[in-house]
Amino acid sequence: MQYADRLGASIQDCAVIDDSEEVCSTFARLGGTPLHVTTERATDAILDGLLQKH
């Protein structure tokens, strides 16, 4: 939240990429979009997917 606030962004417009289920769950409860890194879904695959959307 502090980074979103500092940048004047709404948490609903923010995403977090993390391998922690707890971090992802907390971020989702706050209204953001969690992108959970797993052994099946690596960070580079998540970033590639984001780039393909834009």
Protein backbone atom coordinates (compact mmCIF):
# COMPACT_ATOMS: atom_id res chain seq x y z
CA MET A 1 0.00 0.00 0.00
CA GLN A 2 2.81 2.44 0.78
CA TYR A 3 4.17 2.20 -2.78
CA ALA A 4 0.75 2.65 -4.33
CA ASP A 5 0.09 5.62 -2.07
CA ARG A 6 3.49 7.14 -2.79
CA LEU A 7 2.87 6.90 -6.53
CA GLY A 8 -0.75 8.04 -6.30
CA ALA A 9 -2.00 4.72 -7.68
CA SER A 10 -5.10 2.82 -6.70
CA ILE A 11 -4.38 -0.65 -5.31
CA GLN A 12 -6.93 -1.98 -7.81
CA ASP A 13 -4.54 -0.89 -10.56
CA CYS A 14 -1.54 -2.65 -8.98
CA ALA A 15 -0.12 -6.14 -9.29
CA VAL A 16 2.42 -8.06 -7.26
CA ILE A 17 4.56 -10.94 -8.51
CA ASP A 18 5.59 -13.17 -5.64
CA ASP A 19 6.17 -16.80 -4.74
CA SER A 20 4.54 -16.48 -1.32
CA GLU A 21 0.94 -17.64 -1.03
CA GLU A 22 0.56 -15.40 2.03
CA VAL A 23 1.75 -12.29 0.17
CA CYS A 24 -0.51 -13.04 -2.79
CA SER A 25 -3.53 -13.67 -0.56
CA THR A 26 -2.97 -10.48 1.41
CA PHE A 27 -2.52 -8.43 -1.75
CA ALA A 28 -5.75 -9.86 -3.20
CA ARG A 29 -7.65 -9.02 0.02
CA LEU A 30 -6.40 -5.44 -0.30
CA GLY A 31 -7.84 -5.29 -3.82
CA GLY A 32 -4.73 -5.76 -5.95
CA THR A 33 -3.92 -8.42 -8.52
CA PRO A 34 -1.59 -11.14 -7.25
CA LEU A 35 0.52 -13.05 -9.76
CA HIS A 36 1.72 -16.14 -7.91
CA VAL A 37 5.07 -17.60 -8.96
CA THR A 38 5.19 -21.40 -8.76
CA THR A 39 7.38 -24.14 -10.15
CA GLU A 40 4.86 -24.44 -12.99
CA ARG A 41 4.53 -20.66 -13.51
CA ALA A 42 7.87 -18.85 -13.42
CA THR A 43 8.36 -15.10 -13.18
CA ASP A 44 9.45 -14.80 -16.81
CA ALA A 45 6.28 -16.57 -17.98
CA ILE A 46 4.16 -14.15 -15.92
CA LEU A 47 6.00 -11.15 -17.38
CA ASP A 48 5.66 -12.54 -20.91
CA GLY A 49 1.93 -12.90 -20.35
CA LEU A 50 1.65 -9.30 -19.17
CA LEU A 51 3.57 -8.03 -22.19
CA GLN A 52 1.32 -9.96 -24.56
CA LYS A 53 -1.75 -8.23 -23.12
CA HIS A 54 -0.46 -4.79 -24.07
